[in-house]
Amino acid sequence: MTKQEIIEKTNEFLTGTLDIDQSLINPDTELKRDIGITSVDAVAIASFAQKTFGCAIVMSEIKAIITLEDLYNYIENNQ
């Protein structure tokens, strides 16, 4: 899957499933600080990445995923 497809599908998940305001979605958005991602949300994101992209997000590595760009890159590099 291309990076653009990863971005589009991930953004759809964030706005549709996690009910994040579209105006807050950009590559520099910080998951915790800017959109309030909780540990429960992080598990949902990891599950989404696994089901949609075949990308297993290792929970010990999730702390390194700070921005949406970090998330997109992680998925792209681990699918």
C-alpha atoms as a PDB file:
ATOM      1  CA  MET A   1       0.000   0.000   0.000  1.00  0.00           C
ATOM      2  CA  THR A   2       1.284   3.479  -0.794  1.00  0.00           C
ATOM      3  CA  LYS A   3       1.979   6.054   1.872  1.00  0.00           C
ATOM      4  CA  GLN A   4      -0.890   8.187   0.564  1.00  0.00           C
ATOM      5  CA  GLU A   5      -3.289   5.251   0.993  1.00  0.00           C
ATOM      6  CA  ILE A   6      -1.948   4.701   4.518  1.00  0.00           C
ATOM      7  CA  ILE A   7      -2.545   8.369   5.344  1.00  0.00           C
ATOM      8  CA  GLU A   8      -6.075   8.351   3.914  1.00  0.00           C
ATOM      9  CA  LYS A   9      -7.163   5.125   5.640  1.00  0.00           C
ATOM     10  CA  THR A  10      -5.588   6.129   8.952  1.00  0.00           C
ATOM     11  CA  ASN A  11      -7.200   9.569   8.868  1.00  0.00           C
ATOM     12  CA  GLU A  12     -10.574   7.988   8.064  1.00  0.00           C
ATOM     13  CA  PHE A  13     -10.164   5.708  11.083  1.00  0.00           C
ATOM     14  CA  LEU A  14      -9.207   8.595  13.362  1.00  0.00           C
ATOM     15  CA  THR A  15     -12.107  10.796  12.306  1.00  0.00           C
ATOM     16  CA  GLY A  16     -14.687   8.041  11.890  1.00  0.00           C
ATOM     17  CA  THR A  17     -13.948   5.582  14.670  1.00  0.00           C
ATOM     18  CA  LEU A  18     -12.166   7.710  17.269  1.00  0.00           C
ATOM     19  CA  ASP A  19     -14.258  10.803  16.465  1.00  0.00           C
ATOM     20  CA  ILE A  20     -11.267  13.133  16.076  1.00  0.00           C
ATOM     21  CA  ASP A  21     -12.074  16.490  14.494  1.00  0.00           C
ATOM     22  CA  GLN A  22     -10.817  16.580  10.889  1.00  0.00           C
ATOM     23  CA  SER A  23      -9.334  20.050  11.450  1.00  0.00           C
ATOM     24  CA  LEU A  24      -6.879  18.536  13.960  1.00  0.00           C
ATOM     25  CA  ILE A  25      -5.531  15.982  11.479  1.00  0.00           C
ATOM     26  CA  ASN A  26      -2.173  16.896   9.951  1.00  0.00           C
ATOM     27  CA  PRO A  27       1.246  15.218   9.902  1.00  0.00           C
ATOM     28  CA  ASP A  28       2.608  17.354  12.768  1.00  0.00           C
ATOM     29  CA  THR A  29      -0.335  16.620  15.082  1.00  0.00           C
ATOM     30  CA  GLU A  30       0.863  15.021  18.309  1.00  0.00           C
ATOM     31  CA  LEU A  31      -1.252  12.027  19.233  1.00  0.00           C
ATOM     32  CA  LYS A  32      -1.380  12.587  22.988  1.00  0.00           C
ATOM     33  CA  ARG A  33      -0.971  16.334  23.342  1.00  0.00           C
ATOM     34  CA  ASP A  34      -3.030  17.583  20.390  1.00  0.00           C
ATOM     35  CA  ILE A  35      -5.782  14.987  19.986  1.00  0.00           C
ATOM     36  CA  GLY A  36      -5.796  13.320  23.394  1.00  0.00           C
ATOM     37  CA  ILE A  37      -5.050   9.732  22.378  1.00  0.00           C
ATOM     38  CA  THR A  38      -5.377   7.502  25.462  1.00  0.00           C
ATOM     39  CA  SER A  39      -3.923   4.048  26.066  1.00  0.00           C
ATOM     40  CA  VAL A  40      -7.281   2.561  25.047  1.00  0.00           C
ATOM     41  CA  ASP A  41      -7.154   4.575  21.809  1.00  0.00           C
ATOM     42  CA  ALA A  42      -3.576   3.362  21.239  1.00  0.00           C
ATOM     43  CA  VAL A  43      -4.762  -0.240  21.450  1.00  0.00           C
ATOM     44  CA  ALA A  44      -7.551   0.568  18.960  1.00  0.00           C
ATOM     45  CA  ILE A  45      -5.007   2.152  16.601  1.00  0.00           C
ATOM     46  CA  ALA A  46      -2.726  -0.887  16.900  1.00  0.00           C
ATOM     47  CA  SER A  47      -5.659  -3.196  16.152  1.00  0.00           C
ATOM     48  CA  PHE A  48      -6.664  -1.057  13.157  1.00  0.00           C
ATOM     49  CA  ALA A  49      -3.084  -1.111  11.811  1.00  0.00           C
ATOM     50  CA  GLN A  50      -2.927  -4.897  12.156  1.00  0.00           C
ATOM     51  CA  LYS A  51      -6.280  -5.518  10.465  1.00  0.00           C
ATOM     52  CA  THR A  52      -5.922  -2.919   7.728  1.00  0.00           C
ATOM     53  CA  PHE A  53      -2.221  -2.998   6.871  1.00  0.00           C
ATOM     54  CA  GLY A  54      -0.912  -6.209   8.444  1.00  0.00           C
ATOM     55  CA  CYS A  55       1.319  -4.012  10.593  1.00  0.00           C
ATOM     56  CA  ALA A  56       1.851  -5.169  14.151  1.00  0.00           C
ATOM     57  CA  ILE A  57       2.584  -2.160  16.342  1.00  0.00           C
ATOM     58  CA  VAL A  58       4.713  -3.383  19.217  1.00  0.00           C
ATOM     59  CA  MET A  59       3.430  -1.760  22.385  1.00  0.00           C
ATOM     60  CA  SER A  60       6.963  -1.193  23.657  1.00  0.00           C
ATOM     61  CA  GLU A  61       7.623   0.874  20.510  1.00  0.00           C
ATOM     62  CA  ILE A  62       4.410   2.880  20.628  1.00  0.00           C
ATOM     63  CA  LYS A  63       5.984   5.516  22.889  1.00  0.00           C
ATOM     64  CA  ALA A  64       8.231   6.507  19.975  1.00  0.00           C
ATOM     65  CA  ILE A  65       5.177   7.310  17.841  1.00  0.00           C
ATOM     66  CA  ILE A  66       4.535  10.910  18.789  1.00  0.00           C
ATOM     67  CA  THR A  67       3.047  12.556  15.701  1.00  0.00           C
ATOM     68  CA  LEU A  68       0.699  11.360  13.002  1.00  0.00           C
ATOM     69  CA  GLU A  69       3.674  11.425  10.611  1.00  0.00           C
ATOM     70  CA  ASP A  70       5.469   9.014  12.961  1.00  0.00           C
ATOM     71  CA  LEU A  71       2.422   6.736  12.840  1.00  0.00           C
ATOM     72  CA  TYR A  72       2.189   6.862   9.033  1.00  0.00           C
ATOM     73  CA  ASN A  73       5.908   6.103   8.713  1.00  0.00           C
ATOM     74  CA  TYR A  74       5.767   3.261  11.224  1.00  0.00           C
ATOM     75  CA  ILE A  75       2.930   1.625   9.327  1.00  0.00           C
ATOM     76  CA  GLU A  76       4.646   2.169   5.976  1.00  0.00           C
ATOM     77  CA  ASN A  77       7.910   0.656   7.222  1.00  0.00           C
ATOM     78  CA  ASN A  78       6.292  -2.328   8.965  1.00  0.00           C
ATOM     79  CA  GLN A  79       3.508  -3.484   6.645  1.00  0.00           C
END
